[in-house]
């Protein structure tokens, strides 16, 4: 399946509709060179496993739903697994299915997908990628076509993990997690997971947590590569995944906590949105690239 290339003279992105409508690349074009902002992927690998993409959509939930079920309005809602190699339903359906191209220009593309077999979810989802100046804008929308249920959205970009990479992402709290990666206790971020000030992402740091109280702004700086990216999202949560020993890390702007469907209280207390039939939810994300040698 051919990729769709977007370019505006400053940025370039490649979209693979067949693999979750995800991005294969997102690059800065600089003086004849190409500087990857997201970790590059390949079409062959991404079609086999979308985790090889540079970025993919999270719809209609992010991360895991514990036990593959949750209670909602007096009913037990069973959610089938999304991958055979995962114990719990992971990341929704959008990243695992082909998307249809609705429209395209040199610097933007809009895609859509319909889920009518994703028990218990039945929905239409759209996403738009736009290159505007030095910013990649991603818009993600879901419209419920079934019974009322809690919905959530996010995006899952992979970033190059260099020895000197630095992160700024203010948060007031972090969910502790069990061995199955489900959250247990909400508390202040650990010292090695506190990014309220720009600081180095240590090589041996293995973080896989959901953070709360985010101001919707973050920055990643690669001093040796002389480039940075500022992230903006209309959400107050993110997931940070930094597997030790790998050449990437993930900073995922999301609107709800991991396993928000099953945390104490209402789903809305943890960022999910209840959508009735015909109701929609939209989120937007911006990635603004800057040269640090300017």
C-alpha atoms as a PDB file:
ATOM      1  CA  UNK A   1       0.000   0.000   0.000  1.00  0.00           C
ATOM      2  CA  UNK A   2       1.574   3.323  -1.025  1.00  0.00           C
ATOM      3  CA  UNK A   3       2.066   5.967   1.591  1.00  0.00           C
ATOM      4  CA  UNK A   4       0.694   9.504   1.375  1.00  0.00           C
ATOM      5  CA  UNK A   5       3.336  12.200   1.603  1.00  0.00           C
ATOM      6  CA  UNK A   6       2.640  15.647   3.035  1.00  0.00           C
ATOM      7  CA  UNK A   7       5.163  18.468   2.694  1.00  0.00           C
ATOM      8  CA  UNK A   8       5.174  22.243   3.082  1.00  0.00           C
ATOM      9  CA  UNK A   9       8.855  23.083   2.595  1.00  0.00           C
ATOM     10  CA  UNK A  10       9.609  23.002   6.321  1.00  0.00           C
ATOM     11  CA  UNK A  11       8.082  19.720   7.438  1.00  0.00           C
ATOM     12  CA  UNK A  12       7.381  16.370   5.830  1.00  0.00           C
ATOM     13  CA  UNK A  13       5.071  13.586   6.993  1.00  0.00           C
ATOM     14  CA  UNK A  14       4.173  10.197   5.564  1.00  0.00           C
ATOM     15  CA  UNK A  15       0.771   8.628   6.298  1.00  0.00           C
ATOM     16  CA  UNK A  16      -0.080   4.940   5.915  1.00  0.00           C
ATOM     17  CA  UNK A  17      -3.897   4.642   5.690  1.00  0.00           C
ATOM     18  CA  UNK A  18      -3.794   0.829   5.726  1.00  0.00           C
ATOM     19  CA  UNK A  19      -2.054   0.755   9.128  1.00  0.00           C
ATOM     20  CA  UNK A  20      -4.304   2.638  11.519  1.00  0.00           C
ATOM     21  CA  UNK A  21      -4.125   5.764   9.394  1.00  0.00           C
ATOM     22  CA  UNK A  22      -0.865   6.272  11.272  1.00  0.00           C
ATOM     23  CA  UNK A  23       2.259   8.246  10.516  1.00  0.00           C
ATOM     24  CA  UNK A  24       5.329   6.472   9.188  1.00  0.00           C
ATOM     25  CA  UNK A  25       7.461   9.606   9.468  1.00  0.00           C
ATOM     26  CA  UNK A  26       7.392  13.157  10.707  1.00  0.00           C
ATOM     27  CA  UNK A  27      10.529  15.124   9.803  1.00  0.00           C
ATOM     28  CA  UNK A  28      12.043  18.576   9.826  1.00  0.00           C
ATOM     29  CA  UNK A  29      13.594  19.574   6.483  1.00  0.00           C
ATOM     30  CA  UNK A  30      16.741  21.529   7.247  1.00  0.00           C
ATOM     31  CA  UNK A  31      19.393  22.732   4.807  1.00  0.00           C
ATOM     32  CA  UNK A  32      19.063  19.694   2.601  1.00  0.00           C
ATOM     33  CA  UNK A  33      18.984  17.320   5.565  1.00  0.00           C
ATOM     34  CA  UNK A  34      16.068  15.408   7.069  1.00  0.00           C
ATOM     35  CA  UNK A  35      15.823  15.458  10.870  1.00  0.00           C
ATOM     36  CA  UNK A  36      13.310  12.900  12.201  1.00  0.00           C
ATOM     37  CA  UNK A  37      11.062  14.301  14.927  1.00  0.00           C
ATOM     38  CA  UNK A  38       9.146  11.045  15.397  1.00  0.00           C
ATOM     39  CA  UNK A  39      11.059   7.771  15.250  1.00  0.00           C
ATOM     40  CA  UNK A  40      10.759   6.664  11.605  1.00  0.00           C
ATOM     41  CA  UNK A  41       8.944   3.457  10.686  1.00  0.00           C
ATOM     42  CA  UNK A  42       8.621   1.353   7.563  1.00  0.00           C
ATOM     43  CA  UNK A  43       5.439   0.367   5.750  1.00  0.00           C
ATOM     44  CA  UNK A  44       6.309  -3.330   5.698  1.00  0.00           C
ATOM     45  CA  UNK A  45       6.871  -3.471   9.454  1.00  0.00           C
ATOM     46  CA  UNK A  46       3.886  -1.272  10.298  1.00  0.00           C
ATOM     47  CA  UNK A  47       1.487  -3.389   8.261  1.00  0.00           C
ATOM     48  CA  UNK A  48       2.651  -6.388  10.289  1.00  0.00           C
ATOM     49  CA  UNK A  49       2.619  -4.539  13.629  1.00  0.00           C
ATOM     50  CA  UNK A  50       1.391  -0.930  13.998  1.00  0.00           C
ATOM     51  CA  UNK A  51       3.773  -0.465  16.922  1.00  0.00           C
ATOM     52  CA  UNK A  52       6.366   0.052  14.185  1.00  0.00           C
ATOM     53  CA  UNK A  53       4.622   3.279  13.159  1.00  0.00           C
ATOM     54  CA  UNK A  54       5.961   6.705  14.112  1.00  0.00           C
ATOM     55  CA  UNK A  55       2.566   7.692  15.572  1.00  0.00           C
ATOM     56  CA  UNK A  56      -0.935   6.205  15.703  1.00  0.00           C
ATOM     57  CA  UNK A  57      -4.387   7.247  16.980  1.00  0.00           C
ATOM     58  CA  UNK A  58      -5.893   6.054  20.257  1.00  0.00           C
ATOM     59  CA  UNK A  59      -9.652   5.571  19.842  1.00  0.00           C
ATOM     60  CA  UNK A  60     -12.020   4.962  21.619  1.00  0.00           C
ATOM     61  CA  UNK A  61      -9.698   4.498  24.586  1.00  0.00           C
ATOM     62  CA  UNK A  62      -6.022   4.719  25.489  1.00  0.00           C
ATOM     63  CA  UNK A  63      -3.898   1.985  27.016  1.00  0.00           C
ATOM     64  CA  UNK A  64      -5.508  -0.904  28.933  1.00  0.00           C
ATOM     65  CA  UNK A  65      -8.990  -1.804  30.205  1.00  0.00           C
ATOM     66  CA  UNK A  66      -8.368  -4.089  33.168  1.00  0.00           C
ATOM     67  CA  UNK A  67      -9.970  -7.507  32.983  1.00  0.00           C
ATOM     68  CA  UNK A  68     -11.492  -6.735  29.589  1.00  0.00           C
ATOM     69  CA  UNK A  69     -14.664  -5.396  31.211  1.00  0.00           C
ATOM     70  CA  UNK A  70     -16.130  -2.532  33.210  1.00  0.00           C
ATOM     71  CA  UNK A  71     -19.343  -1.574  34.987  1.00  0.00           C
ATOM     72  CA  UNK A  72     -21.482   1.107  33.383  1.00  0.00           C
ATOM     73  CA  UNK A  73     -25.000   2.200  34.278  1.00  0.00           C
ATOM     74  CA  UNK A  74     -25.680  -1.015  36.167  1.00  0.00           C
ATOM     75  CA  UNK A  75     -24.377  -3.324  33.441  1.00  0.00           C
ATOM     76  CA  UNK A  76     -21.192  -5.295  32.941  1.00  0.00           C
ATOM     77  CA  UNK A  77     -19.651  -4.234  29.654  1.00  0.00           C
ATOM     78  CA  UNK A  78     -17.340  -6.880  28.168  1.00  0.00           C
ATOM     79  CA  UNK A  79     -14.591  -5.588  25.870  1.00  0.00           C
ATOM     80  CA  UNK A  80     -12.864  -8.205  23.680  1.00  0.00           C
ATOM     81  CA  UNK A  81      -9.104  -8.174  23.469  1.00  0.00           C
ATOM     82  CA  UNK A  82      -7.540  -6.198  20.655  1.00  0.00           C
ATOM     83  CA  UNK A  83      -4.277  -8.162  20.352  1.00  0.00           C
ATOM     84  CA  UNK A  84      -3.447 -11.806  21.016  1.00  0.00           C
ATOM     85  CA  UNK A  85      -0.163 -10.824  22.677  1.00  0.00           C
ATOM     86  CA  UNK A  86      -1.814  -8.533  25.250  1.00  0.00           C
ATOM     87  CA  UNK A  87      -3.628  -9.658  28.391  1.00  0.00           C
ATOM     88  CA  UNK A  88      -6.063  -6.724  28.310  1.00  0.00           C
ATOM     89  CA  UNK A  89      -7.766  -4.753  25.520  1.00  0.00           C
ATOM     90  CA  UNK A  90      -5.142  -2.220  24.443  1.00  0.00           C
ATOM     91  CA  UNK A  91      -5.377   1.196  22.741  1.00  0.00           C
ATOM     92  CA  UNK A  92      -8.813   0.741  21.163  1.00  0.00           C
ATOM     93  CA  UNK A  93      -9.395  -0.274  17.556  1.00  0.00           C
ATOM     94  CA  UNK A  94      -8.263   2.656  15.406  1.00  0.00           C
ATOM     95  CA  UNK A  95      -4.596   1.691  15.323  1.00  0.00           C
ATOM     96  CA  UNK A  96      -5.384  -1.851  14.156  1.00  0.00           C
ATOM     97  CA  UNK A  97      -7.560  -1.209  11.104  1.00  0.00           C
ATOM     98  CA  UNK A  98      -7.365   0.460   7.691  1.00  0.00           C
ATOM     99  CA  UNK A  99      -8.632   4.021   7.231  1.00  0.00           C
ATOM    100  CA  UNK A 100     -10.217   5.616   4.167  1.00  0.00           C
ATOM    101  CA  UNK A 101      -8.851   8.824   2.689  1.00  0.00           C
ATOM    102  CA  UNK A 102     -11.593  11.474   2.561  1.00  0.00           C
ATOM    103  CA  UNK A 103      -9.547  14.372   1.191  1.00  0.00           C
ATOM    104  CA  UNK A 104      -5.942  15.356   0.603  1.00  0.00           C
ATOM    105  CA  UNK A 105      -3.853  18.414  -0.296  1.00  0.00           C
ATOM    106  CA  UNK A 106      -0.087  18.870  -0.480  1.00  0.00           C
ATOM    107  CA  UNK A 107       0.052  19.594   3.250  1.00  0.00           C
ATOM    108  CA  UNK A 108      -3.012  17.916   4.782  1.00  0.00           C
ATOM    109  CA  UNK A 109      -5.068  14.746   4.690  1.00  0.00           C
ATOM    110  CA  UNK A 110      -8.310  13.652   6.345  1.00  0.00           C
ATOM    111  CA  UNK A 111      -9.098   9.990   6.985  1.00  0.00           C
ATOM    112  CA  UNK A 112     -12.049   8.073   8.422  1.00  0.00           C
ATOM    113  CA  UNK A 113     -12.861   4.616   9.745  1.00  0.00           C
ATOM    114  CA  UNK A 114     -16.025   2.914  10.962  1.00  0.00           C
ATOM    115  CA  UNK A 115     -16.158   0.323  13.727  1.00  0.00           C
ATOM    116  CA  UNK A 116     -19.314  -1.787  13.838  1.00  0.00           C
ATOM    117  CA  UNK A 117     -17.766  -5.031  15.055  1.00  0.00           C
ATOM    118  CA  UNK A 118     -15.870  -3.631  18.027  1.00  0.00           C
ATOM    119  CA  UNK A 119     -18.178  -4.876  20.756  1.00  0.00           C
ATOM    120  CA  UNK A 120     -19.486  -3.023  22.608  1.00  0.00           C
ATOM    121  CA  UNK A 121     -18.349   0.096  20.708  1.00  0.00           C
ATOM    122  CA  UNK A 122     -19.947   1.196  17.442  1.00  0.00           C
ATOM    123  CA  UNK A 123     -18.560   4.474  16.112  1.00  0.00           C
ATOM    124  CA  UNK A 124     -17.202   6.551  13.248  1.00  0.00           C
ATOM    125  CA  UNK A 125     -13.816   8.178  13.728  1.00  0.00           C
ATOM    126  CA  UNK A 126     -11.935  10.754  11.666  1.00  0.00           C
ATOM    127  CA  UNK A 127      -8.464  12.195  11.889  1.00  0.00           C
ATOM    128  CA  UNK A 128      -6.791  15.036  10.056  1.00  0.00           C
ATOM    129  CA  UNK A 129      -3.065  15.708   9.700  1.00  0.00           C
ATOM    130  CA  UNK A 130      -2.074  19.249   8.711  1.00  0.00           C
ATOM    131  CA  UNK A 131       1.381  20.764   8.211  1.00  0.00           C
ATOM    132  CA  UNK A 132       1.140  24.495   8.956  1.00  0.00           C
ATOM    133  CA  UNK A 133       4.459  26.349   9.011  1.00  0.00           C
ATOM    134  CA  UNK A 134       6.647  24.484  11.513  1.00  0.00           C
ATOM    135  CA  UNK A 135       3.687  22.740  13.204  1.00  0.00           C
ATOM    136  CA  UNK A 136       2.068  19.368  12.696  1.00  0.00           C
ATOM    137  CA  UNK A 137      -1.577  19.552  13.747  1.00  0.00           C
ATOM    138  CA  UNK A 138      -3.498  16.347  14.465  1.00  0.00           C
ATOM    139  CA  UNK A 139      -7.257  16.443  14.947  1.00  0.00           C
ATOM    140  CA  UNK A 140      -9.031  13.290  16.144  1.00  0.00           C
ATOM    141  CA  UNK A 141     -12.818  12.879  16.371  1.00  0.00           C
ATOM    142  CA  UNK A 142     -15.117  10.025  17.364  1.00  0.00           C
ATOM    143  CA  UNK A 143     -18.911   9.892  16.899  1.00  0.00           C
ATOM    144  CA  UNK A 144     -20.832   7.255  18.812  1.00  0.00           C
ATOM    145  CA  UNK A 145     -23.233   5.253  16.661  1.00  0.00           C
ATOM    146  CA  UNK A 146     -24.388   2.879  19.400  1.00  0.00           C
ATOM    147  CA  UNK A 147     -25.606   2.806  22.989  1.00  0.00           C
ATOM    148  CA  UNK A 148     -24.242   5.354  25.480  1.00  0.00           C
ATOM    149  CA  UNK A 149     -20.709   4.486  26.577  1.00  0.00           C
ATOM    150  CA  UNK A 150     -17.586   6.229  27.901  1.00  0.00           C
ATOM    151  CA  UNK A 151     -15.170   7.303  25.164  1.00  0.00           C
ATOM    152  CA  UNK A 152     -11.634   8.658  25.220  1.00  0.00           C
ATOM    153  CA  UNK A 153      -8.997   9.793  22.738  1.00  0.00           C
ATOM    154  CA  UNK A 154      -5.260  10.272  22.422  1.00  0.00           C
ATOM    155  CA  UNK A 155      -2.259   9.972  20.131  1.00  0.00           C
ATOM    156  CA  UNK A 156       0.780   7.732  20.493  1.00  0.00           C
ATOM    157  CA  UNK A 157       3.955   9.233  18.991  1.00  0.00           C
ATOM    158  CA  UNK A 158       7.390   7.604  19.297  1.00  0.00           C
ATOM    159  CA  UNK A 159      10.364   9.943  19.745  1.00  0.00           C
ATOM    160  CA  UNK A 160      14.087   9.277  19.153  1.00  0.00           C
ATOM    161  CA  UNK A 161      15.809   8.549  22.465  1.00  0.00           C
ATOM    162  CA  UNK A 162      19.296  10.033  22.282  1.00  0.00           C
ATOM    163  CA  UNK A 163      21.672  10.053  25.280  1.00  0.00           C
ATOM    164  CA  UNK A 164      21.106  13.778  25.818  1.00  0.00           C
ATOM    165  CA  UNK A 165      17.359  14.102  25.152  1.00  0.00           C
ATOM    166  CA  UNK A 166      15.511  16.349  27.612  1.00  0.00           C
ATOM    167  CA  UNK A 167      11.829  16.543  28.538  1.00  0.00           C
ATOM    168  CA  UNK A 168       9.611  19.202  30.081  1.00  0.00           C
ATOM    169  CA  UNK A 169       6.085  18.023  30.972  1.00  0.00           C
ATOM    170  CA  UNK A 170       4.617  19.440  34.149  1.00  0.00           C
ATOM    171  CA  UNK A 171       2.240  17.170  36.085  1.00  0.00           C
ATOM    172  CA  UNK A 172       0.940  17.260  39.628  1.00  0.00           C
ATOM    173  CA  UNK A 173       0.453  13.520  40.127  1.00  0.00           C
ATOM    174  CA  UNK A 174       1.331  10.103  38.746  1.00  0.00           C
ATOM    175  CA  UNK A 175      -0.452   6.783  38.998  1.00  0.00           C
ATOM    176  CA  UNK A 176       1.626   4.017  40.539  1.00  0.00           C
ATOM    177  CA  UNK A 177       1.229   0.803  38.575  1.00  0.00           C
ATOM    178  CA  UNK A 178       1.179  -2.915  39.251  1.00  0.00           C
ATOM    179  CA  UNK A 179       3.123  -5.548  37.342  1.00  0.00           C
ATOM    180  CA  UNK A 180       0.316  -5.702  34.762  1.00  0.00           C
ATOM    181  CA  UNK A 181       0.735  -1.933  34.141  1.00  0.00           C
ATOM    182  CA  UNK A 182      -2.677  -1.058  35.627  1.00  0.00           C
ATOM    183  CA  UNK A 183      -2.777   1.957  37.978  1.00  0.00           C
ATOM    184  CA  UNK A 184      -2.962   1.471  41.734  1.00  0.00           C
ATOM    185  CA  UNK A 185      -2.348   4.672  43.739  1.00  0.00           C
ATOM    186  CA  UNK A 186      -2.293   8.333  42.689  1.00  0.00           C
ATOM    187  CA  UNK A 187       0.592  10.251  44.232  1.00  0.00           C
ATOM    188  CA  UNK A 188       3.231  12.867  43.513  1.00  0.00           C
ATOM    189  CA  UNK A 189       5.599  11.913  40.671  1.00  0.00           C
ATOM    190  CA  UNK A 190       8.760  10.021  41.628  1.00  0.00           C
ATOM    191  CA  UNK A 191      11.967  12.022  41.520  1.00  0.00           C
ATOM    192  CA  UNK A 192      13.031  10.245  38.316  1.00  0.00           C
ATOM    193  CA  UNK A 193       9.609  10.891  36.738  1.00  0.00           C
ATOM    194  CA  UNK A 194       9.240  14.554  37.711  1.00  0.00           C
ATOM    195  CA  UNK A 195       9.524  16.682  34.578  1.00  0.00           C
ATOM    196  CA  UNK A 196       8.136  19.953  35.890  1.00  0.00           C
ATOM    197  CA  UNK A 197      11.483  21.430  34.848  1.00  0.00           C
ATOM    198  CA  UNK A 198      13.363  20.590  31.655  1.00  0.00           C
ATOM    199  CA  UNK A 199      15.609  17.658  32.528  1.00  0.00           C
ATOM    200  CA  UNK A 200      17.468  14.803  30.942  1.00  0.00           C
ATOM    201  CA  UNK A 201      15.652  11.533  30.332  1.00  0.00           C
ATOM    202  CA  UNK A 202      18.078   9.149  31.982  1.00  0.00           C
ATOM    203  CA  UNK A 203      19.208   6.178  29.913  1.00  0.00           C
ATOM    204  CA  UNK A 204      18.187   3.653  32.562  1.00  0.00           C
ATOM    205  CA  UNK A 205      14.846   5.264  33.362  1.00  0.00           C
ATOM    206  CA  UNK A 206      12.013   2.798  32.722  1.00  0.00           C
ATOM    207  CA  UNK A 207       8.766   4.731  33.142  1.00  0.00           C
ATOM    208  CA  UNK A 208       5.347   3.420  32.099  1.00  0.00           C
ATOM    209  CA  UNK A 209       2.823   5.567  33.938  1.00  0.00           C
ATOM    210  CA  UNK A 210      -0.194   7.818  33.528  1.00  0.00           C
ATOM    211  CA  UNK A 211       0.215  11.413  34.711  1.00  0.00           C
ATOM    212  CA  UNK A 212      -2.453  13.876  35.884  1.00  0.00           C
ATOM    213  CA  UNK A 213      -2.665  17.622  36.315  1.00  0.00           C
ATOM    214  CA  UNK A 214      -0.802  18.337  33.084  1.00  0.00           C
ATOM    215  CA  UNK A 215      -1.091  21.884  31.746  1.00  0.00           C
ATOM    216  CA  UNK A 216      -1.325  20.647  28.157  1.00  0.00           C
ATOM    217  CA  UNK A 217       2.153  21.887  27.222  1.00  0.00           C
ATOM    218  CA  UNK A 218       5.389  19.928  26.890  1.00  0.00           C
ATOM    219  CA  UNK A 219       8.782  20.249  25.237  1.00  0.00           C
ATOM    220  CA  UNK A 220      11.355  17.733  24.034  1.00  0.00           C
ATOM    221  CA  UNK A 221      14.892  18.963  23.299  1.00  0.00           C
ATOM    222  CA  UNK A 222      17.697  17.100  21.522  1.00  0.00           C
ATOM    223  CA  UNK A 223      20.786  19.306  22.118  1.00  0.00           C
ATOM    224  CA  UNK A 224      23.159  17.222  19.982  1.00  0.00           C
ATOM    225  CA  UNK A 225      20.667  17.220  17.107  1.00  0.00           C
ATOM    226  CA  UNK A 226      19.992  20.968  17.490  1.00  0.00           C
ATOM    227  CA  UNK A 227      16.239  20.535  17.339  1.00  0.00           C
ATOM    228  CA  UNK A 228      13.283  20.653  19.710  1.00  0.00           C
ATOM    229  CA  UNK A 229       9.535  20.072  19.576  1.00  0.00           C
ATOM    230  CA  UNK A 230       6.873  21.821  21.602  1.00  0.00           C
ATOM    231  CA  UNK A 231       3.707  19.814  22.237  1.00  0.00           C
ATOM    232  CA  UNK A 232       0.278  21.288  22.918  1.00  0.00           C
ATOM    233  CA  UNK A 233      -2.957  19.399  23.548  1.00  0.00           C
ATOM    234  CA  UNK A 234      -6.431  20.149  24.868  1.00  0.00           C
ATOM    235  CA  UNK A 235      -6.074  17.503  27.583  1.00  0.00           C
ATOM    236  CA  UNK A 236      -4.791  17.373  31.162  1.00  0.00           C
ATOM    237  CA  UNK A 237      -3.196  13.918  31.132  1.00  0.00           C
ATOM    238  CA  UNK A 238      -0.378  12.097  29.424  1.00  0.00           C
ATOM    239  CA  UNK A 239       1.224   8.658  29.422  1.00  0.00           C
ATOM    240  CA  UNK A 240       5.017   8.447  29.455  1.00  0.00           C
ATOM    241  CA  UNK A 241       6.645   5.217  28.283  1.00  0.00           C
ATOM    242  CA  UNK A 242      10.446   5.009  28.391  1.00  0.00           C
ATOM    243  CA  UNK A 243      11.547   1.376  28.002  1.00  0.00           C
ATOM    244  CA  UNK A 244      15.158   1.029  29.127  1.00  0.00           C
ATOM    245  CA  UNK A 245      17.607  -0.054  26.465  1.00  0.00           C
ATOM    246  CA  UNK A 246      15.530   1.085  23.480  1.00  0.00           C
ATOM    247  CA  UNK A 247      16.198   3.907  21.028  1.00  0.00           C
ATOM    248  CA  UNK A 248      12.752   5.486  21.461  1.00  0.00           C
ATOM    249  CA  UNK A 249      10.361   6.751  24.096  1.00  0.00           C
ATOM    250  CA  UNK A 250       6.680   7.662  23.938  1.00  0.00           C
ATOM    251  CA  UNK A 251       5.002  10.807  25.191  1.00  0.00           C
ATOM    252  CA  UNK A 252       1.270  10.273  24.665  1.00  0.00           C
ATOM    253  CA  UNK A 253      -1.209  13.137  25.167  1.00  0.00           C
ATOM    254  CA  UNK A 254      -4.449  11.482  26.300  1.00  0.00           C
ATOM    255  CA  UNK A 255      -7.675  12.673  27.897  1.00  0.00           C
ATOM    256  CA  UNK A 256      -8.109   9.876  30.449  1.00  0.00           C
ATOM    257  CA  UNK A 257      -6.135   7.747  32.874  1.00  0.00           C
ATOM    258  CA  UNK A 258      -5.052   4.177  32.200  1.00  0.00           C
ATOM    259  CA  UNK A 259      -7.961   1.852  33.078  1.00  0.00           C
ATOM    260  CA  UNK A 260     -10.177   4.900  33.656  1.00  0.00           C
ATOM    261  CA  UNK A 261     -13.196   2.668  33.035  1.00  0.00           C
ATOM    262  CA  UNK A 262     -12.518   0.792  36.277  1.00  0.00           C
ATOM    263  CA  UNK A 263     -11.025   3.367  38.634  1.00  0.00           C
ATOM    264  CA  UNK A 264     -13.085   4.385  41.705  1.00  0.00           C
ATOM    265  CA  UNK A 265     -15.854   6.884  40.979  1.00  0.00           C
ATOM    266  CA  UNK A 266     -17.382   7.692  37.612  1.00  0.00           C
ATOM    267  CA  UNK A 267     -15.620   7.325  34.244  1.00  0.00           C
ATOM    268  CA  UNK A 268     -15.934  11.107  33.849  1.00  0.00           C
ATOM    269  CA  UNK A 269     -13.893  11.568  37.033  1.00  0.00           C
ATOM    270  CA  UNK A 270     -10.910  10.128  35.203  1.00  0.00           C
ATOM    271  CA  UNK A 271     -11.283  11.940  31.878  1.00  0.00           C
ATOM    272  CA  UNK A 272     -13.620   9.742  29.846  1.00  0.00           C
ATOM    273  CA  UNK A 273     -16.620  11.335  28.108  1.00  0.00           C
ATOM    274  CA  UNK A 274     -20.051   9.704  28.006  1.00  0.00           C
ATOM    275  CA  UNK A 275     -21.380   9.850  24.451  1.00  0.00           C
ATOM    276  CA  UNK A 276     -24.940   9.004  23.518  1.00  0.00           C
ATOM    277  CA  UNK A 277     -25.896   7.907  20.006  1.00  0.00           C
ATOM    278  CA  UNK A 278     -24.935  10.629  17.531  1.00  0.00           C
ATOM    279  CA  UNK A 279     -22.759  12.551  19.994  1.00  0.00           C
ATOM    280  CA  UNK A 280     -19.125  13.356  19.197  1.00  0.00           C
ATOM    281  CA  UNK A 281     -15.842  14.022  20.968  1.00  0.00           C
ATOM    282  CA  UNK A 282     -12.930  15.893  19.392  1.00  0.00           C
ATOM    283  CA  UNK A 283      -9.356  16.446  20.536  1.00  0.00           C
ATOM    284  CA  UNK A 284      -6.449  18.284  18.917  1.00  0.00           C
ATOM    285  CA  UNK A 285      -2.687  18.017  19.234  1.00  0.00           C
ATOM    286  CA  UNK A 286       0.092  20.263  17.931  1.00  0.00           C
ATOM    287  CA  UNK A 287       3.775  19.446  17.482  1.00  0.00           C
ATOM    288  CA  UNK A 288       5.817  22.577  16.756  1.00  0.00           C
ATOM    289  CA  UNK A 289       9.398  22.023  15.632  1.00  0.00           C
ATOM    290  CA  UNK A 290      12.188  24.514  16.261  1.00  0.00           C
ATOM    291  CA  UNK A 291      15.844  24.611  15.308  1.00  0.00           C
ATOM    292  CA  UNK A 292      17.904  25.218  18.417  1.00  0.00           C
ATOM    293  CA  UNK A 293      20.897  26.453  16.400  1.00  0.00           C
ATOM    294  CA  UNK A 294      18.959  29.390  14.905  1.00  0.00           C
END
